[in-house]
């Protein structure tokens, strides 16, 4: 977050000096795959929760870690705001339109205004796939807050942007289609 803030400050400074406009779209956890199936391969060596869950479900990983179960949240695991890539794509297009039409810079948050816990994400994946996710609880990671989510009121107002695809069900379904296909192809 700190580096993103510095880059945004540099963009504001550069904008004043060179009289150009920019859009800064602030979002946290981009997830999912295109709902129209235009992506044909999953990411390699993922470091984020959702693709790691998919790798466990598809047999690429034996198990995964859940970092902490003693956070001040309903189930003890961290809560994060996840935004589907299709929602982010729409926001980027709307932001470019805004820049052209309004001729002014833009800084907005993109989020659902709520979040899902790590254990909720795992349970959702299990429901979608009818498979169990093997995981172990390990220690917290330094610096992880209990919950982190974004309010998108300004993006709603200025860009007419609202997340349409960011439910856990849609995210998991879009991902599982691809990972399931990959695991079936690996078997044959």
Protein backbone atom coordinates (compact mmCIF):
# COMPACT_ATOMS: atom_id res chain seq x y z
CA UNK A 1 0.00 0.00 0.00
CA UNK A 2 2.83 2.39 0.81
CA UNK A 3 4.42 2.12 -2.66
CA UNK A 4 1.02 2.62 -4.32
CA UNK A 5 0.52 5.81 -2.30
CA UNK A 6 3.95 7.14 -3.33
CA UNK A 7 3.25 6.38 -7.01
CA UNK A 8 -0.10 8.16 -6.77
CA UNK A 9 1.62 11.20 -5.23
CA UNK A 10 4.20 11.17 -8.04
CA UNK A 11 1.41 10.98 -10.62
CA UNK A 12 -0.28 14.01 -9.03
CA UNK A 13 3.00 15.94 -9.09
CA UNK A 14 3.77 14.95 -12.69
CA UNK A 15 0.22 15.82 -13.72
CA UNK A 16 0.63 19.39 -12.44
CA UNK A 17 4.02 19.87 -14.09
CA UNK A 18 3.07 18.48 -17.51
CA UNK A 19 -0.66 19.24 -17.54
CA UNK A 20 -1.74 15.64 -18.13
CA UNK A 21 -4.54 13.71 -16.49
CA UNK A 22 -4.34 10.25 -14.96
CA UNK A 23 -6.57 7.65 -13.37
CA UNK A 24 -5.54 5.87 -10.20
CA UNK A 25 -7.73 2.87 -9.52
CA UNK A 26 -7.17 1.52 -6.02
CA UNK A 27 -8.01 -2.13 -5.51
CA UNK A 28 -6.67 -4.90 -3.36
CA UNK A 29 -7.24 -8.47 -4.48
CA UNK A 30 -7.94 -9.13 -8.15
CA UNK A 31 -9.35 -12.64 -8.57
CA UNK A 32 -11.20 -14.89 -10.97
CA UNK A 33 -10.92 -15.59 -14.65
CA UNK A 34 -12.85 -14.08 -17.52
CA UNK A 35 -16.51 -15.13 -17.31
CA UNK A 36 -16.55 -15.53 -21.12
CA UNK A 37 -13.69 -18.07 -20.94
CA UNK A 38 -11.25 -16.00 -23.01
CA UNK A 39 -8.33 -17.02 -20.77
CA UNK A 40 -7.01 -20.49 -21.55
CA UNK A 41 -4.25 -21.11 -18.98
CA UNK A 42 -4.03 -20.52 -15.24
CA UNK A 43 -1.28 -18.44 -13.70
CA UNK A 44 1.97 -20.19 -12.84
CA UNK A 45 3.44 -20.29 -9.35
CA UNK A 46 0.64 -18.27 -7.74
CA UNK A 47 1.19 -16.56 -4.40
CA UNK A 48 -2.43 -15.57 -3.74
CA UNK A 49 -5.23 -17.36 -1.93
CA UNK A 50 -7.70 -18.20 -4.69
CA UNK A 51 -5.32 -19.75 -7.23
CA UNK A 52 -3.64 -21.67 -4.41
CA UNK A 53 -7.03 -23.08 -3.40
CA UNK A 54 -7.56 -24.08 -7.06
CA UNK A 55 -4.17 -25.79 -7.22
CA UNK A 56 -5.05 -27.85 -4.14
CA UNK A 57 -8.42 -28.79 -5.63
CA UNK A 58 -6.91 -29.74 -8.98
CA UNK A 59 -4.16 -31.83 -7.40
CA UNK A 60 -1.23 -29.56 -8.30
CA UNK A 61 -0.60 -28.97 -4.58
CA UNK A 62 -1.13 -31.45 -1.80
CA UNK A 63 -2.33 -28.84 0.70
CA UNK A 64 -2.16 -25.18 1.62
CA UNK A 65 -1.62 -22.99 4.66
CA UNK A 66 -4.13 -20.71 6.35
CA UNK A 67 -2.13 -18.02 8.08
CA UNK A 68 -3.74 -17.63 11.48
CA UNK A 69 -7.12 -18.53 12.94
CA UNK A 70 -7.14 -16.11 15.87
CA UNK A 71 -8.02 -12.83 14.15
CA UNK A 72 -10.88 -10.72 15.44
CA UNK A 73 -13.26 -12.00 12.74
CA UNK A 74 -16.26 -14.37 12.93
CA UNK A 75 -14.23 -17.47 11.97
CA UNK A 76 -10.78 -16.29 13.09
CA UNK A 77 -9.27 -15.99 9.59
CA UNK A 78 -8.45 -12.75 7.76
CA UNK A 79 -11.15 -11.00 5.76
CA UNK A 80 -10.31 -9.38 2.42
CA UNK A 81 -12.20 -7.60 -0.35
CA UNK A 82 -11.91 -9.60 -3.58
CA UNK A 83 -12.74 -8.05 -6.95
CA UNK A 84 -13.38 -10.16 -10.04
CA UNK A 85 -11.17 -9.32 -13.02
CA UNK A 86 -14.21 -8.66 -15.22
CA UNK A 87 -15.36 -5.98 -12.78
CA UNK A 88 -11.88 -4.47 -12.83
CA UNK A 89 -11.80 -4.50 -16.63
CA UNK A 90 -15.05 -2.57 -16.75
CA UNK A 91 -13.68 -0.04 -14.25
CA UNK A 92 -10.57 0.51 -16.38
CA UNK A 93 -12.65 1.14 -19.50
CA UNK A 94 -14.95 3.50 -17.59
CA UNK A 95 -11.93 5.35 -16.19
CA UNK A 96 -10.48 5.88 -19.68
CA UNK A 97 -13.85 7.20 -20.85
CA UNK A 98 -13.91 9.53 -17.83
CA UNK A 99 -10.44 10.88 -18.67
CA UNK A 100 -11.44 11.59 -22.27
CA UNK A 101 -14.82 13.11 -21.48
CA UNK A 102 -14.11 15.03 -18.24
CA UNK A 103 -10.48 15.92 -18.96
CA UNK A 104 -9.55 15.67 -15.30
CA UNK A 105 -7.63 13.22 -13.13
CA UNK A 106 -9.33 10.54 -11.11
CA UNK A 107 -8.48 8.62 -7.92
CA UNK A 108 -11.06 6.05 -6.79
CA UNK A 109 -11.31 2.87 -4.76
CA UNK A 110 -12.66 -0.26 -6.40
CA UNK A 111 -14.17 -2.73 -3.99
CA UNK A 112 -17.32 -4.45 -2.89
CA UNK A 113 -17.45 -2.69 0.48
CA UNK A 114 -17.35 -6.07 2.20
CA UNK A 115 -15.03 -9.00 2.38
CA UNK A 116 -14.74 -12.75 2.65
CA UNK A 117 -12.58 -14.65 5.10
CA UNK A 118 -9.98 -17.17 4.08
CA UNK A 119 -12.09 -19.99 5.53
CA UNK A 120 -15.21 -18.70 3.74
CA UNK A 121 -13.28 -18.79 0.46
CA UNK A 122 -12.22 -22.38 1.13
CA UNK A 123 -15.79 -23.42 1.99
CA UNK A 124 -17.12 -21.75 -1.13
CA UNK A 125 -14.58 -23.56 -3.29
CA UNK A 126 -15.55 -26.86 -1.69
CA UNK A 127 -19.24 -26.22 -2.43
CA UNK A 128 -18.58 -25.26 -6.06
CA UNK A 129 -16.27 -28.21 -6.75
CA UNK A 130 -17.70 -30.84 -4.41
CA UNK A 131 -14.10 -31.51 -3.28
CA UNK A 132 -12.25 -30.96 0.00
CA UNK A 133 -9.43 -28.44 0.32
CA UNK A 134 -6.64 -29.83 2.47
CA UNK A 135 -5.15 -27.09 4.62
CA UNK A 136 -3.23 -26.56 7.81
CA UNK A 137 -3.45 -23.60 10.15
CA UNK A 138 -0.08 -21.93 10.59
CA UNK A 139 1.02 -18.74 12.32
CA UNK A 140 -0.08 -15.27 11.35
CA UNK A 141 1.94 -13.31 8.82
CA UNK A 142 3.44 -10.09 10.15
CA UNK A 143 1.39 -7.04 9.30
CA UNK A 144 -1.84 -8.81 8.31
CA UNK A 145 -4.82 -6.82 9.60
CA UNK A 146 -8.05 -8.53 10.70
CA UNK A 147 -10.00 -7.23 7.71
CA UNK A 148 -9.40 -5.01 4.73
CA UNK A 149 -11.99 -3.83 2.25
CA UNK A 150 -12.72 -0.81 0.11
CA UNK A 151 -15.75 1.42 -0.27
CA UNK A 152 -16.38 2.39 -3.88
CA UNK A 153 -18.88 5.22 -3.48
CA UNK A 154 -16.81 7.61 -5.61
CA UNK A 155 -16.30 5.02 -8.37
CA UNK A 156 -20.05 4.35 -8.28
CA UNK A 157 -20.77 8.06 -8.64
CA UNK A 158 -18.10 9.16 -11.14
CA UNK A 159 -17.74 6.01 -13.26
CA UNK A 160 -21.17 4.45 -12.87
CA UNK A 161 -19.22 1.39 -11.75
CA UNK A 162 -20.65 -1.36 -9.59
CA UNK A 163 -19.14 -4.84 -9.12
CA UNK A 164 -21.30 -7.43 -10.90
CA UNK A 165 -19.10 -10.53 -10.82
CA UNK A 166 -17.42 -10.33 -7.40
CA UNK A 167 -19.53 -12.82 -5.46
CA UNK A 168 -17.60 -15.80 -4.12
CA UNK A 169 -19.73 -18.11 -6.25
CA UNK A 170 -18.96 -16.31 -9.53
CA UNK A 171 -15.27 -15.96 -8.68
CA UNK A 172 -14.92 -19.65 -7.80
CA UNK A 173 -16.92 -20.84 -10.81
CA UNK A 174 -14.84 -18.75 -13.22
CA UNK A 175 -11.65 -20.15 -11.75
CA UNK A 176 -12.74 -23.77 -11.37
CA UNK A 177 -13.77 -24.03 -15.05
CA UNK A 178 -10.19 -23.34 -16.05
CA UNK A 179 -8.42 -25.36 -13.35
CA UNK A 180 -10.76 -28.32 -13.82
CA UNK A 181 -10.07 -28.29 -17.59
CA UNK A 182 -6.32 -28.10 -16.92
CA UNK A 183 -6.38 -31.02 -14.49
CA UNK A 184 -8.48 -33.12 -16.91
CA UNK A 185 -6.03 -32.37 -19.73
CA UNK A 186 -3.11 -33.37 -17.51
CA UNK A 187 -4.70 -36.76 -16.86
CA UNK A 188 -5.22 -37.53 -20.55
